[in-house]
PDB file of N, CA and C in Angstrom:
ATOM      1  N   MET A   1      92.602 193.933   3.542  1.00  0.00           N
ATOM      2  CA  MET A   1      93.521 193.178   4.219  1.00  0.00           C
ATOM      3  C   MET A   1      92.891 192.723   5.548  1.00  0.00           C
ATOM      4  N   ASP A   2      92.763 191.448   5.723  1.00  0.00           N
ATOM      5  CA  ASP A   2      92.026 190.889   6.859  1.00  0.00           C
ATOM      6  C   ASP A   2      93.018 190.265   7.900  1.00  0.00           C
ATOM      7  N   VAL A   3      94.102 191.076   8.170  1.00  0.00           N
ATOM      8  CA  VAL A   3      95.077 190.676   9.197  1.00  0.00           C
ATOM      9  C   VAL A   3      94.951 191.612  10.390  1.00  0.00           C
ATOM     10  N   PRO A   4      94.923 191.039  11.585  1.00  0.00           N
ATOM     11  CA  PRO A   4      94.790 191.936  12.823  1.00  0.00           C
ATOM     12  C   PRO A   4      95.982 192.909  12.837  1.00  0.00           C
ATOM     13  N   SER A   5      95.630 194.106  13.310  1.00  0.00           N
ATOM     14  CA  SER A   5      96.670 195.195  13.452  1.00  0.00           C
ATOM     15  C   SER A   5      97.825 194.719  14.353  1.00  0.00           C
ATOM     16  N   ALA A   6      97.569 193.963  15.354  1.00  0.00           N
ATOM     17  CA  ALA A   6      98.701 193.492  16.202  1.00  0.00           C
ATOM     18  C   ALA A   6      99.591 192.589  15.462  1.00  0.00           C
ATOM     19  N   GLU A   7      99.076 191.811  14.671  1.00  0.00           N
ATOM     20  CA  GLU A   7      99.918 190.848  13.806  1.00  0.00           C
ATOM     21  C   GLU A   7     100.727 191.706  12.717  1.00  0.00           C
ATOM     22  N   LEU A   8     100.081 192.607  12.153  1.00  0.00           N
ATOM     23  CA  LEU A   8     100.708 193.419  11.242  1.00  0.00           C
ATOM     24  C   LEU A   8     101.896 194.201  11.856  1.00  0.00           C
ATOM     25  N   ALA A   9     101.670 194.728  13.097  1.00  0.00           N
ATOM     26  CA  ALA A   9     102.612 195.381  13.876  1.00  0.00           C
ATOM     27  C   ALA A   9     103.879 194.551  14.157  1.00  0.00           C
ATOM     28  N   ALA A  10     103.585 193.310  14.536  1.00  0.00           N
ATOM     29  CA  ALA A  10     104.743 192.362  14.798  1.00  0.00           C
ATOM     30  C   ALA A  10     105.459 192.088  13.482  1.00  0.00           C
ATOM     31  N   LEU A  11     104.772 191.962  12.422  1.00  0.00           N
ATOM     32  CA  LEU A  11     105.459 191.637  11.087  1.00  0.00           C
ATOM     33  C   LEU A  11     106.307 192.917  10.694  1.00  0.00           C
ATOM     34  N   LEU A  12     105.714 194.092  10.907  1.00  0.00           N
ATOM     35  CA  LEU A  12     106.538 195.254  10.534  1.00  0.00           C
ATOM     36  C   LEU A  12     107.716 195.448  11.410  1.00  0.00           C
ATOM     37  N   GLU A  13     107.643 195.127  12.693  1.00  0.00           N
ATOM     38  CA  GLU A  13     108.851 195.166  13.541  1.00  0.00           C
ATOM     39  C   GLU A  13     109.862 194.209  13.126  1.00  0.00           C
ATOM     40  N   ASP A  14     109.469 192.965  12.855  1.00  0.00           N
ATOM     41  CA  ASP A  14     110.430 191.917  12.390  1.00  0.00           C
ATOM     42  C   ASP A  14     111.071 192.341  11.094  1.00  0.00           C
ATOM     43  N   ALA A  15     110.306 192.823  10.124  1.00  0.00           N
ATOM     44  CA  ALA A  15     110.851 193.139   8.843  1.00  0.00           C
ATOM     45  C   ALA A  15     111.767 194.347   8.938  1.00  0.00           C
ATOM     46  N   ALA A  16     111.405 195.261   9.788  1.00  0.00           N
ATOM     47  CA  ALA A  16     112.303 196.488  10.010  1.00  0.00           C
ATOM     48  C   ALA A  16     113.594 196.077  10.687  1.00  0.00           C
ATOM     49  N   ASN A  17     113.566 195.116  11.561  1.00  0.00           N
ATOM     50  CA  ASN A  17     114.781 194.603  12.212  1.00  0.00           C
ATOM     51  C   ASN A  17     115.736 194.077  11.257  1.00  0.00           C
ATOM     52  N   SER A  18     115.209 193.419  10.182  1.00  0.00           N
ATOM     53  CA  SER A  18     116.089 192.827   9.067  1.00  0.00           C
ATOM     54  C   SER A  18     116.497 193.864   8.132  1.00  0.00           C
ATOM     55  N   LEU A  19     115.565 194.792   7.745  1.00  0.00           N
ATOM     56  CA  LEU A  19     115.850 195.653   6.617  1.00  0.00           C
ATOM     57  C   LEU A  19     116.215 197.061   6.996  1.00  0.00           C
ATOM     58  N   GLY A  20     115.792 197.490   8.190  1.00  0.00           N
ATOM     59  CA  GLY A  20     116.013 198.895   8.619  1.00  0.00           C
ATOM     60  C   GLY A  20     114.858 199.682   8.079  1.00  0.00           C
ATOM     61  N   TRP A  21     114.823 200.949   8.518  1.00  0.00           N
ATOM     62  CA  TRP A  21     113.756 201.857   8.063  1.00  0.00           C
ATOM     63  C   TRP A  21     114.192 202.853   6.978  1.00  0.00           C
ATOM     64  N   GLN A  22     115.368 202.663   6.373  1.00  0.00           N
ATOM     65  CA  GLN A  22     115.877 203.564   5.369  1.00  0.00           C
ATOM     66  C   GLN A  22     114.870 203.662   4.206  1.00  0.00           C
ATOM     67  N   ASP A  23     114.272 202.509   3.907  1.00  0.00           N
ATOM     68  CA  ASP A  23     113.193 202.488   2.785  1.00  0.00           C
ATOM     69  C   ASP A  23     111.982 201.839   3.346  1.00  0.00           C
ATOM     70  N   PRO A  24     111.045 202.698   3.928  1.00  0.00           N
ATOM     71  CA  PRO A  24     109.778 202.123   4.439  1.00  0.00           C
ATOM     72  C   PRO A  24     109.030 201.246   3.469  1.00  0.00           C
ATOM     73  N   ASP A  25     109.106 201.630   2.188  1.00  0.00           N
ATOM     74  CA  ASP A  25     108.312 200.880   1.190  1.00  0.00           C
ATOM     75  C   ASP A  25     108.839 199.456   1.084  1.00  0.00           C
ATOM     76  N   ALA A  26     110.170 199.292   1.294  1.00  0.00           N
ATOM     77  CA  ALA A  26     110.773 197.906   1.322  1.00  0.00           C
ATOM     78  C   ALA A  26     110.240 197.095   2.441  1.00  0.00           C
ATOM     79  N   VAL A  27     110.078 197.727   3.599  1.00  0.00           N
ATOM     80  CA  VAL A  27     109.519 197.086   4.811  1.00  0.00           C
ATOM     81  C   VAL A  27     108.123 196.706   4.587  1.00  0.00           C
ATOM     82  N   PHE A  28     107.339 197.622   4.007  1.00  0.00           N
ATOM     83  CA  PHE A  28     105.879 197.343   3.686  1.00  0.00           C
ATOM     84  C   PHE A  28     105.799 196.216   2.654  1.00  0.00           C
ATOM     85  N   ARG A  29     106.567 196.226   1.634  1.00  0.00           N
ATOM     86  CA  ARG A  29     106.570 195.131   0.652  1.00  0.00           C
ATOM     87  C   ARG A  29     106.908 193.781   1.243  1.00  0.00           C
ATOM     88  N   GLU A  30     107.867 193.789   2.120  1.00  0.00           N
ATOM     89  CA  GLU A  30     108.307 192.544   2.811  1.00  0.00           C
ATOM     90  C   GLU A  30     107.046 191.984   3.669  1.00  0.00           C
ATOM     91  N   VAL A  31     106.424 192.818   4.367  1.00  0.00           N
ATOM     92  CA  VAL A  31     105.259 192.414   5.093  1.00  0.00           C
ATOM     93  C   VAL A  31     104.137 191.921   4.242  1.00  0.00           C
ATOM     94  N   LEU A  32     103.910 192.538   3.183  1.00  0.00           N
ATOM     95  CA  LEU A  32     102.852 192.149   2.250  1.00  0.00           C
ATOM     96  C   LEU A  32     103.189 190.801   1.715  1.00  0.00           C
ATOM     97  N   GLY A  33     104.509 190.631   1.293  1.00  0.00           N
ATOM     98  CA  GLY A  33     104.884 189.290   0.810  1.00  0.00           C
ATOM     99  C   GLY A  33     104.687 188.178   1.858  1.00  0.00           C
ATOM    100  N   ARG A  34     104.900 188.445   3.100  1.00  0.00           N
ATOM    101  CA  ARG A  34     104.747 187.492   4.130  1.00  0.00           C
ATOM    102  C   ARG A  34     103.324 187.065   4.349  1.00  0.00           C
ATOM    103  N   ILE A  35     102.405 187.918   3.942  1.00  0.00           N
ATOM    104  CA  ILE A  35     100.971 187.602   4.201  1.00  0.00           C
ATOM    105  C   ILE A  35     100.287 187.211   2.806  1.00  0.00           C
ATOM    106  N   GLY A  36     101.119 187.044   1.775  1.00  0.00           N
ATOM    107  CA  GLY A  36     100.687 186.616   0.510  1.00  0.00           C
ATOM    108  C   GLY A  36     100.163 187.636  -0.441  1.00  0.00           C
ATOM    109  N   LEU A  37     100.408 188.923  -0.213  1.00  0.00           N
ATOM    110  CA  LEU A  37      99.932 189.955  -1.087  1.00  0.00           C
ATOM    111  C   LEU A  37     101.190 190.528  -1.912  1.00  0.00           C
ATOM    112  N   LEU A  38     100.932 191.047  -3.051  1.00  0.00           N
ATOM    113  CA  LEU A  38     101.986 191.442  -3.937  1.00  0.00           C
ATOM    114  C   LEU A  38     102.121 192.962  -4.164  1.00  0.00           C
ATOM    115  N   ARG A  39     101.008 193.723  -3.984  1.00  0.00           N
ATOM    116  CA  ARG A  39     100.972 195.131  -4.403  1.00  0.00           C
ATOM    117  C   ARG A  39     100.884 196.025  -3.279  1.00  0.00           C
ATOM    118  N   LEU A  40     101.758 197.008  -3.258  1.00  0.00           N
ATOM    119  CA  LEU A  40     101.714 198.044  -2.236  1.00  0.00           C
ATOM    120  C   LEU A  40     100.848 199.250  -2.741  1.00  0.00           C
ATOM    121  N   ASN A  41      99.542 199.084  -2.700  1.00  0.00           N
ATOM    122  CA  ASN A  41      98.711 200.212  -3.149  1.00  0.00           C
ATOM    123  C   ASN A  41      98.296 201.049  -1.981  1.00  0.00           C
ATOM    124  N   SER A  42      97.535 202.113  -2.271  1.00  0.00           N
ATOM    125  CA  SER A  42      97.173 203.154  -1.256  1.00  0.00           C
ATOM    126  C   SER A  42      96.466 202.509  -0.100  1.00  0.00           C
ATOM    127  N   GLU A  43      95.633 201.580  -0.285  1.00  0.00           N
ATOM    128  CA  GLU A  43      94.955 200.951   0.776  1.00  0.00           C
ATOM    129  C   GLU A  43      95.846 200.164   1.649  1.00  0.00           C
ATOM    130  N   ALA A  44      96.724 199.361   1.001  1.00  0.00           N
ATOM    131  CA  ALA A  44      97.692 198.622   1.830  1.00  0.00           C
ATOM    132  C   ALA A  44      98.595 199.507   2.636  1.00  0.00           C
ATOM    133  N   ARG A  45      99.019 200.571   2.001  1.00  0.00           N
ATOM    134  CA  ARG A  45      99.904 201.576   2.671  1.00  0.00           C
ATOM    135  C   ARG A  45      99.200 202.167   3.891  1.00  0.00           C
ATOM    136  N   ARG A  46      97.899 202.497   3.761  1.00  0.00           N
ATOM    137  CA  ARG A  46      97.087 203.054   4.832  1.00  0.00           C
ATOM    138  C   ARG A  46      96.994 202.088   5.968  1.00  0.00           C
ATOM    139  N   VAL A  47      96.679 200.865   5.693  1.00  0.00           N
ATOM    140  CA  VAL A  47      96.502 199.780   6.721  1.00  0.00           C
ATOM    141  C   VAL A  47      97.879 199.541   7.434  1.00  0.00           C
ATOM    142  N   LEU A  48      98.990 199.514   6.719  1.00  0.00           N
ATOM    143  CA  LEU A  48     100.191 199.342   7.273  1.00  0.00           C
ATOM    144  C   LEU A  48     100.668 200.504   8.155  1.00  0.00           C
ATOM    145  N   MET A  49     100.388 201.654   7.708  1.00  0.00           N
ATOM    146  CA  MET A  49     100.682 202.861   8.486  1.00  0.00           C
ATOM    147  C   MET A  49      99.910 202.956   9.794  1.00  0.00           C
ATOM    148  N   ASN A  50      98.650 202.483   9.739  1.00  0.00           N
ATOM    149  CA  ASN A  50      97.896 202.457  10.987  1.00  0.00           C
ATOM    150  C   ASN A  50      98.436 201.451  11.958  1.00  0.00           C
ATOM    151  N   ALA A  51      98.793 200.341  11.426  1.00  0.00           N
ATOM    152  CA  ALA A  51      99.481 199.294  12.300  1.00  0.00           C
ATOM    153  C   ALA A  51     100.730 199.793  12.887  1.00  0.00           C
ATOM    154  N   LEU A  52     101.523 200.489  12.031  1.00  0.00           N
ATOM    155  CA  LEU A  52     102.777 201.026  12.550  1.00  0.00           C
ATOM    156  C   LEU A  52     102.508 202.047  13.684  1.00  0.00           C
ATOM    157  N   ARG A  53     101.590 202.960  13.476  1.00  0.00           N
ATOM    158  CA  ARG A  53     101.236 203.914  14.481  1.00  0.00           C
ATOM    159  C   ARG A  53     100.799 203.297  15.852  1.00  0.00           C
ATOM    160  N   ALA A  54     100.148 202.118  15.746  1.00  0.00           N
ATOM    161  CA  ALA A  54      99.767 201.392  16.951  1.00  0.00           C
ATOM    162  C   ALA A  54     100.887 200.907  17.664  1.00  0.00           C
ATOM    163  N   THR A  55     102.099 200.771  17.132  1.00  0.00           N
ATOM    164  CA  THR A  55     103.245 200.292  17.861  1.00  0.00           C
ATOM    165  C   THR A  55     104.000 201.410  18.596  1.00  0.00           C
ATOM    166  N   GLU A  56     103.628 202.548  18.302  1.00  0.00           N
ATOM    167  CA  GLU A  56     104.358 203.749  18.903  1.00  0.00           C
ATOM    168  C   GLU A  56     103.850 204.022  20.327  1.00  0.00           C
TER     169      GLU A  56
END
């Protein structure tokens, strides 16, 4: 995934504002869809979790 962490963090925040954090995978899938990816695999989950940690 060649998207800067700051951009992923902003997308995560925006998606979570719409969906809530009840289902984190739904938030992750929404972000992936926004950047043109379809599969939430282990690598995508790792990158998104790292971006999420950067927002804390």
